[in-house]
């Protein structure tokens, strides 16, 4: 019993848990459009850091979401935004381009009883307006991908005591984040489900795996590093600690949970083992992202398919995915998942976290102690 308590202490007490006020250095990935207030609050109430991906929401909706999460938990949670809100060309994309990208989806939309959409000019949501709501509402942590906010924005969050979590997909991005004075760096390997948040080089040129990325980031920066991408169970968490991380971010592992925003078809695909193969695609949204390999992904990955810039492609595909979900057609849905998706077998948040904490505490204490000594030695050498 004493050894187990020492193991628990070794992996739960570090700079990440200290600065965020957490019991456990486990961050629930923001999950983009699959976020839910219930999931965010459940993870935070347990002692981890729940996160909510708000990048596609208008400012007033973000305000309502933030207030609802606060009503469900008194604990710290993170709100996540995208610094880069659209791909180049989104504002100037034409109706002709829309028609060309719609063509391969038209038969599917009709087959599931959907309505063929018409072209509408893109109306952007301003990142700065989203940020202002978060500043007004008061949050514990602000996480972001696809770039670095302006110094003015970061300074204002810091002035209000908000912990800043930046996402890096390469070592150079991690260094840039440290130079911007963020508090925590999430090092995201290419195994991760959902979007690749690269911002210094194209996403296709920033596909370093978690096992290679995390130790290089740990060696390159002085900040706490959170390992993200392909971590699906206690073994992955312990491995992340061995690489020098002080926490983990898990996304796909939470998607099968009833509390998540994933639909029933998506959760079933994860729980039934249908996620053995995942692949990267721009076809679902216009930005590179990883999902379960299915008919729609394969079709949109064909070389002759024209893809609209983000978020136009995302809006276009929703005209198929909404009726396809109602029709029970998972082969026509974007089903986001990381490469560890077959490890995601728990449909309840508390049961998932209970198991993680127990198993990590049993096997991870010695590894985390070694990693702490390694990080201390690195700081002394600098």
Protein backbone atom coordinates (compact mmCIF):
# COMPACT_ATOMS: atom_id res chain seq x y z
CA UNK A 1 0.00 0.00 0.00
CA UNK A 2 2.84 2.38 0.88
CA UNK A 3 4.55 1.70 -2.47
CA UNK A 4 1.32 2.44 -4.31
CA UNK A 5 0.89 5.77 -2.49
CA UNK A 6 4.48 6.72 -3.32
CA UNK A 7 3.87 5.77 -6.96
CA UNK A 8 0.75 7.95 -7.01
CA UNK A 9 2.65 10.89 -5.53
CA UNK A 10 5.50 10.50 -8.02
CA UNK A 11 3.35 10.98 -11.10
CA UNK A 12 0.74 13.40 -9.77
CA UNK A 13 2.95 16.04 -8.17
CA UNK A 14 4.78 18.14 -10.75
CA UNK A 15 4.79 21.57 -12.37
CA UNK A 16 1.70 20.83 -14.49
CA UNK A 17 -0.55 19.79 -11.61
CA UNK A 18 0.83 22.64 -9.51
CA UNK A 19 0.18 25.46 -11.99
CA UNK A 20 -3.29 24.19 -12.93
CA UNK A 21 -4.40 23.01 -9.50
CA UNK A 22 -5.01 19.43 -10.65
CA UNK A 23 -5.04 16.13 -8.79
CA UNK A 24 -3.92 14.25 -11.91
CA UNK A 25 -1.81 15.41 -14.88
CA UNK A 26 -4.41 14.22 -17.38
CA UNK A 27 -5.89 16.66 -19.89
CA UNK A 28 -8.96 15.74 -21.90
CA UNK A 29 -8.37 16.83 -25.48
CA UNK A 30 -10.66 19.67 -26.61
CA UNK A 31 -12.24 17.48 -29.33
CA UNK A 32 -13.45 20.34 -31.51
CA UNK A 33 -17.06 19.83 -32.57
CA UNK A 34 -17.27 16.69 -30.43
CA UNK A 35 -16.84 18.59 -27.17
CA UNK A 36 -19.57 18.64 -24.57
CA UNK A 37 -20.06 20.62 -21.41
CA UNK A 38 -20.81 17.40 -19.51
CA UNK A 39 -17.56 15.74 -20.54
CA UNK A 40 -15.47 18.81 -19.77
CA UNK A 41 -16.99 19.15 -16.32
CA UNK A 42 -16.76 15.42 -15.56
CA UNK A 43 -13.02 15.31 -16.22
CA UNK A 44 -12.40 18.47 -14.19
CA UNK A 45 -14.55 17.25 -11.31
CA UNK A 46 -12.47 14.06 -11.20
CA UNK A 47 -9.25 16.04 -10.84
CA UNK A 48 -7.95 16.22 -14.39
CA UNK A 49 -8.32 19.14 -16.78
CA UNK A 50 -11.44 19.07 -18.89
CA UNK A 51 -11.27 21.01 -22.15
CA UNK A 52 -13.84 22.38 -24.57
CA UNK A 53 -13.07 23.04 -28.24
CA UNK A 54 -14.88 26.28 -29.10
CA UNK A 55 -13.17 27.27 -32.33
CA UNK A 56 -16.26 26.95 -34.53
CA UNK A 57 -18.60 28.80 -32.19
CA UNK A 58 -19.76 32.40 -32.33
CA UNK A 59 -18.75 34.58 -29.37
CA UNK A 60 -22.16 34.60 -27.68
CA UNK A 61 -22.38 30.82 -27.92
CA UNK A 62 -18.95 30.55 -26.32
CA UNK A 63 -20.23 32.73 -23.49
CA UNK A 64 -23.19 30.39 -22.87
CA UNK A 65 -20.99 27.28 -23.04
CA UNK A 66 -18.47 28.71 -20.60
CA UNK A 67 -21.18 29.62 -18.12
CA UNK A 68 -22.77 26.18 -18.37
CA UNK A 69 -19.45 24.44 -17.67
CA UNK A 70 -18.98 26.70 -14.64
CA UNK A 71 -22.40 25.65 -13.41
CA UNK A 72 -21.31 22.00 -13.61
CA UNK A 73 -17.87 22.24 -11.99
CA UNK A 74 -16.01 24.55 -9.61
CA UNK A 75 -12.71 23.06 -10.80
CA UNK A 76 -10.28 24.42 -13.42
CA UNK A 77 -11.07 23.71 -17.08
CA UNK A 78 -9.63 24.88 -20.41
CA UNK A 79 -11.31 26.58 -23.32
CA UNK A 80 -9.62 25.93 -26.67
CA UNK A 81 -9.53 28.12 -29.79
CA UNK A 82 -7.79 28.09 -33.15
CA UNK A 83 -5.55 31.10 -33.76
CA UNK A 84 -5.84 30.64 -37.53
CA UNK A 85 -9.53 30.56 -38.35
CA UNK A 86 -9.39 29.82 -42.06
CA UNK A 87 -7.10 28.66 -44.85
CA UNK A 88 -5.83 31.05 -47.46
CA UNK A 89 -8.46 31.46 -50.15
CA UNK A 90 -11.50 30.96 -47.92
CA UNK A 91 -12.58 34.56 -48.32
CA UNK A 92 -12.20 34.54 -52.11
CA UNK A 93 -13.44 31.04 -52.94
CA UNK A 94 -15.95 31.05 -55.81
CA UNK A 95 -19.27 29.42 -56.57
CA UNK A 96 -17.57 27.44 -59.34
CA UNK A 97 -15.13 25.94 -56.83
CA UNK A 98 -18.06 25.14 -54.53
CA UNK A 99 -19.85 23.27 -57.32
CA UNK A 100 -16.74 21.25 -58.17
CA UNK A 101 -16.25 20.20 -54.54
CA UNK A 102 -19.94 19.42 -54.14
CA UNK A 103 -20.06 17.12 -57.18
CA UNK A 104 -18.62 13.95 -55.51
CA UNK A 105 -20.98 14.40 -52.54
CA UNK A 106 -24.22 15.06 -54.43
CA UNK A 107 -25.29 11.44 -54.92
CA UNK A 108 -24.54 10.61 -51.29
CA UNK A 109 -26.54 13.60 -50.04
CA UNK A 110 -29.54 12.56 -52.14
CA UNK A 111 -29.14 8.91 -51.09
CA UNK A 112 -29.49 9.75 -47.38
CA UNK A 113 -32.36 12.17 -47.91
CA UNK A 114 -30.37 15.38 -47.53
CA UNK A 115 -30.86 18.66 -49.35
CA UNK A 116 -28.34 19.74 -51.93
CA UNK A 117 -26.76 22.98 -50.62
CA UNK A 118 -26.35 26.25 -52.47
CA UNK A 119 -23.28 28.46 -52.51
CA UNK A 120 -23.01 31.15 -49.84
CA UNK A 121 -20.09 33.51 -49.38
CA UNK A 122 -18.00 32.76 -46.31
CA UNK A 123 -18.78 34.83 -43.20
CA UNK A 124 -15.80 34.62 -40.83
CA UNK A 125 -15.83 34.49 -37.05
CA UNK A 126 -13.11 36.73 -35.61
CA UNK A 127 -10.63 35.03 -33.29
CA UNK A 128 -10.25 38.29 -31.36
CA UNK A 129 -13.99 38.39 -30.65
CA UNK A 130 -13.92 34.82 -29.34
CA UNK A 131 -10.95 35.67 -27.14
CA UNK A 132 -12.70 38.71 -25.67
CA UNK A 133 -15.56 36.53 -24.44
CA UNK A 134 -13.12 34.22 -22.65
CA UNK A 135 -11.43 37.21 -21.05
CA UNK A 136 -14.79 38.61 -19.98
CA UNK A 137 -16.05 35.32 -18.55
CA UNK A 138 -12.91 34.43 -16.65
CA UNK A 139 -11.44 30.96 -17.24
CA UNK A 140 -8.70 28.90 -15.62
CA UNK A 141 -6.82 27.86 -18.73
CA UNK A 142 -6.68 28.91 -22.37
CA UNK A 143 -5.36 26.38 -24.86
CA UNK A 144 -4.83 27.03 -28.55
CA UNK A 145 -3.59 25.49 -31.80
CA UNK A 146 -2.72 26.67 -35.30
CA UNK A 147 -0.43 29.45 -34.21
CA UNK A 148 0.38 31.84 -31.39
CA UNK A 149 -1.93 34.69 -30.35
CA UNK A 150 -0.58 38.22 -30.32
CA UNK A 151 1.56 39.40 -27.43
CA UNK A 152 -1.26 41.74 -26.39
CA UNK A 153 -3.72 38.86 -26.08
CA UNK A 154 -1.29 36.61 -24.22
CA UNK A 155 -0.31 39.41 -21.85
CA UNK A 156 -3.96 40.07 -21.02
CA UNK A 157 -4.61 36.40 -20.21
CA UNK A 158 -1.48 36.33 -18.05
CA UNK A 159 -2.55 39.51 -16.26
CA UNK A 160 -5.77 37.73 -15.30
CA UNK A 161 -3.96 34.62 -14.05
CA UNK A 162 -5.04 32.34 -16.90
CA UNK A 163 -2.73 29.39 -17.64
CA UNK A 164 -1.66 29.38 -21.31
CA UNK A 165 -1.32 26.05 -23.12
CA UNK A 166 0.12 26.17 -26.64
CA UNK A 167 0.19 23.25 -29.07
CA UNK A 168 3.30 22.27 -31.00
CA UNK A 169 3.66 19.63 -33.71
CA UNK A 170 7.41 20.22 -34.17
CA UNK A 171 10.35 21.18 -31.98
CA UNK A 172 10.62 24.56 -33.71
CA UNK A 173 6.99 25.30 -32.86
CA UNK A 174 7.65 24.39 -29.22
CA UNK A 175 10.59 26.78 -29.11
CA UNK A 176 8.44 29.54 -30.63
CA UNK A 177 5.78 28.94 -27.99
CA UNK A 178 8.33 29.14 -25.20
CA UNK A 179 9.64 32.41 -26.62
CA UNK A 180 6.05 33.71 -26.51
CA UNK A 181 6.00 32.93 -22.76
CA UNK A 182 3.23 30.37 -22.64
CA UNK A 183 3.02 28.25 -19.48
CA UNK A 184 2.62 24.73 -20.88
CA UNK A 185 3.39 23.11 -24.23
CA UNK A 186 1.28 20.27 -25.61
CA UNK A 187 3.52 18.27 -27.96
CA UNK A 188 1.14 16.65 -30.44
CA UNK A 189 2.36 13.64 -32.42
CA UNK A 190 0.91 12.72 -35.78
CA UNK A 191 -0.89 9.71 -34.25
CA UNK A 192 -3.47 12.06 -32.76
CA UNK A 193 -7.05 12.07 -33.95
CA UNK A 194 -8.58 15.21 -35.40
CA UNK A 195 -6.70 18.17 -36.84
CA UNK A 196 -2.96 18.70 -37.10
CA UNK A 197 -2.39 22.12 -35.57
CA UNK A 198 0.87 22.93 -37.38
CA UNK A 199 1.71 26.60 -37.91
CA UNK A 200 5.37 27.04 -38.94
CA UNK A 201 5.41 24.50 -41.76
CA UNK A 202 2.62 22.77 -43.71
CA UNK A 203 0.91 19.98 -41.77
CA UNK A 204 2.13 17.38 -44.26
CA UNK A 205 5.70 18.42 -43.40
CA UNK A 206 5.08 18.32 -39.64
CA UNK A 207 4.25 14.67 -39.07
CA UNK A 208 6.60 13.71 -36.26
CA UNK A 209 5.36 10.85 -34.07
CA UNK A 210 4.79 11.27 -30.35
CA UNK A 211 7.63 8.93 -29.37
CA UNK A 212 10.10 11.05 -31.34
CA UNK A 213 8.57 14.47 -30.70
CA UNK A 214 8.10 14.53 -26.93
CA UNK A 215 11.69 13.87 -25.78
CA UNK A 216 13.05 16.37 -28.30
CA UNK A 217 10.63 19.03 -27.08
CA UNK A 218 11.46 18.22 -23.44
CA UNK A 219 15.16 18.70 -24.23
CA UNK A 220 14.56 21.92 -26.18
CA UNK A 221 12.40 23.89 -23.71
CA UNK A 222 12.23 24.54 -19.98
CA UNK A 223 8.44 24.50 -19.72
CA UNK A 224 6.21 21.59 -18.64
CA UNK A 225 5.47 19.41 -21.66
CA UNK A 226 2.22 17.51 -22.18
CA UNK A 227 2.39 14.49 -24.50
CA UNK A 228 -0.50 14.17 -26.96
CA UNK A 229 -1.22 11.75 -29.79
CA UNK A 230 -1.77 8.00 -29.68
CA UNK A 231 -2.07 7.75 -25.88
CA UNK A 232 -4.98 5.45 -25.19
CA UNK A 233 -4.32 3.68 -21.89
CA UNK A 234 -2.05 3.58 -18.82
CA UNK A 235 0.83 2.11 -20.81
CA UNK A 236 0.84 5.13 -23.09
CA UNK A 237 0.70 7.50 -20.13
CA UNK A 238 3.63 5.84 -18.41
CA UNK A 239 5.58 5.86 -21.68
CA UNK A 240 4.94 9.60 -21.98
CA UNK A 241 6.33 10.15 -18.49
CA UNK A 242 9.40 8.10 -19.43
CA UNK A 243 9.93 10.45 -22.38
CA UNK A 244 10.01 13.40 -19.98
CA UNK A 245 6.44 14.66 -20.22
CA UNK A 246 4.77 16.00 -17.08
CA UNK A 247 1.28 15.24 -18.30
CA UNK A 248 -0.74 13.69 -21.10
CA UNK A 249 -3.57 14.89 -23.31
CA UNK A 250 -6.02 12.21 -24.38
CA UNK A 251 -8.78 12.78 -26.90
CA UNK A 252 -9.93 9.62 -28.64
CA UNK A 253 -10.04 7.71 -25.33
CA UNK A 254 -12.87 10.01 -24.17
CA UNK A 255 -14.95 9.90 -27.37
CA UNK A 256 -16.71 6.56 -26.65
CA UNK A 257 -17.90 7.93 -23.31
CA UNK A 258 -21.59 8.65 -23.09
CA UNK A 259 -20.77 12.16 -21.86
CA UNK A 260 -18.91 13.12 -25.05
CA UNK A 261 -20.40 14.98 -27.98
CA UNK A 262 -19.78 12.09 -30.38
CA UNK A 263 -22.92 10.63 -31.94
CA UNK A 264 -24.06 7.05 -31.31
CA UNK A 265 -22.65 5.79 -34.62
CA UNK A 266 -19.25 7.28 -33.82
CA UNK A 267 -19.17 5.80 -30.32
CA UNK A 268 -20.24 2.41 -31.65
CA UNK A 269 -17.46 2.44 -34.25
CA UNK A 270 -14.89 3.07 -31.51
CA UNK A 271 -16.26 0.56 -29.01
CA UNK A 272 -16.76 -2.22 -31.58
CA UNK A 273 -13.21 -2.17 -32.90
CA UNK A 274 -14.10 -0.67 -36.28
CA UNK A 275 -11.31 1.91 -35.87
CA UNK A 276 -8.41 -0.42 -36.62
CA UNK A 277 -7.39 1.73 -39.58
CA UNK A 278 -7.17 5.50 -39.44
CA UNK A 279 -5.87 7.90 -42.06
CA UNK A 280 -5.09 11.55 -42.64
CA UNK A 281 -7.30 13.60 -44.95
CA UNK A 282 -8.10 17.16 -45.93
CA UNK A 283 -11.38 15.98 -47.41
CA UNK A 284 -13.51 16.32 -44.30
CA UNK A 285 -12.77 19.97 -43.47
CA UNK A 286 -10.08 21.38 -45.77
CA UNK A 287 -7.36 20.95 -43.13
CA UNK A 288 -5.29 17.84 -42.51
CA UNK A 289 -6.91 15.65 -39.87
CA UNK A 290 -7.03 12.00 -38.80
CA UNK A 291 -10.18 9.89 -38.78
CA UNK A 292 -11.36 6.31 -39.13
CA UNK A 293 -10.73 5.01 -42.63
CA UNK A 294 -14.11 4.58 -44.29
CA UNK A 295 -15.80 5.02 -47.67
CA UNK A 296 -16.12 8.79 -47.42
CA UNK A 297 -12.49 9.29 -46.36
CA UNK A 298 -11.20 7.09 -49.17
CA UNK A 299 -13.38 8.85 -51.75
CA UNK A 300 -12.33 12.35 -50.68
CA UNK A 301 -8.65 11.33 -50.66
CA UNK A 302 -8.68 10.54 -54.37
CA UNK A 303 -6.30 12.71 -56.36
CA UNK A 304 -8.92 14.19 -58.70
CA UNK A 305 -11.17 15.46 -55.87
CA UNK A 306 -11.16 19.23 -55.36
CA UNK A 307 -11.19 20.28 -51.72
CA UNK A 308 -12.35 23.70 -50.56
CA UNK A 309 -10.20 25.65 -48.07
CA UNK A 310 -11.05 25.36 -44.39
CA UNK A 311 -13.73 25.96 -43.12
CA UNK A 312 -15.66 25.91 -46.40
CA UNK A 313 -15.07 22.19 -46.91
CA UNK A 314 -16.17 21.50 -43.33
CA UNK A 315 -19.44 23.35 -43.92
CA UNK A 316 -19.97 21.53 -47.21
CA UNK A 317 -19.43 18.05 -45.74
CA UNK A 318 -21.88 18.81 -42.93
CA UNK A 319 -24.65 18.85 -45.55
CA UNK A 320 -23.89 15.14 -45.94
CA UNK A 321 -22.93 14.16 -42.40
CA UNK A 322 -26.08 15.47 -40.69
CA UNK A 323 -28.55 13.45 -42.81
CA UNK A 324 -26.12 10.49 -42.98
CA UNK A 325 -26.16 10.29 -39.18
CA UNK A 326 -29.97 10.31 -39.17
CA UNK A 327 -29.97 7.57 -41.80
CA UNK A 328 -27.54 5.40 -39.80
CA UNK A 329 -24.80 5.49 -42.43
CA UNK A 330 -21.41 5.64 -40.62
CA UNK A 331 -19.52 4.96 -43.86
CA UNK A 332 -20.52 8.48 -44.96
CA UNK A 333 -19.52 10.25 -41.74
CA UNK A 334 -16.28 11.93 -40.65
CA UNK A 335 -15.39 9.72 -37.69
CA UNK A 336 -12.47 11.36 -35.91
CA UNK A 337 -10.04 9.01 -34.16
CA UNK A 338 -6.35 8.64 -33.37
CA UNK A 339 -4.16 5.64 -34.07
CA UNK A 340 -4.79 4.21 -30.60
CA UNK A 341 -8.55 4.12 -31.21
CA UNK A 342 -8.91 0.37 -30.66
CA UNK A 343 -7.75 0.90 -27.06
CA UNK A 344 -10.81 3.09 -26.45
CA UNK A 345 -13.22 0.65 -24.83
CA UNK A 346 -14.73 2.54 -21.89
CA UNK A 347 -18.15 4.24 -22.28
CA UNK A 348 -18.05 6.06 -18.93
CA UNK A 349 -15.74 8.93 -17.92
CA UNK A 350 -15.38 8.01 -14.26
CA UNK A 351 -14.72 4.35 -15.01
CA UNK A 352 -12.09 5.35 -17.60
CA UNK A 353 -10.31 7.69 -15.20
CA UNK A 354 -10.54 5.25 -12.30
CA UNK A 355 -8.82 2.60 -14.37
CA UNK A 356 -6.16 4.99 -15.64
CA UNK A 357 -5.29 6.28 -12.18
CA UNK A 358 -5.11 2.79 -10.68
CA UNK A 359 -2.95 1.33 -13.43
CA UNK A 360 -0.66 4.34 -13.75
CA UNK A 361 -0.12 4.42 -9.99
CA UNK A 362 0.80 0.75 -10.00
CA UNK A 363 3.39 0.89 -12.76
CA UNK A 364 4.30 4.53 -13.24
CA UNK A 365 5.85 5.75 -10.02
CA UNK A 366 9.36 4.60 -10.73
CA UNK A 367 9.28 5.88 -14.30
CA UNK A 368 8.06 9.32 -13.29
CA UNK A 369 10.71 9.58 -10.58
CA UNK A 370 13.39 8.81 -13.17
CA UNK A 371 11.92 11.37 -15.57
CA UNK A 372 11.95 14.06 -12.88
CA UNK A 373 15.64 13.40 -12.25
CA UNK A 374 16.28 13.59 -16.01
CA UNK A 375 14.49 16.94 -16.37
CA UNK A 376 16.41 18.33 -13.36
CA UNK A 377 19.70 17.24 -14.90
CA UNK A 378 18.82 18.93 -18.19
CA UNK A 379 18.00 22.21 -16.46
CA UNK A 380 21.26 22.05 -14.54
CA UNK A 381 23.23 21.51 -17.78
CA UNK A 382 21.79 24.63 -19.43
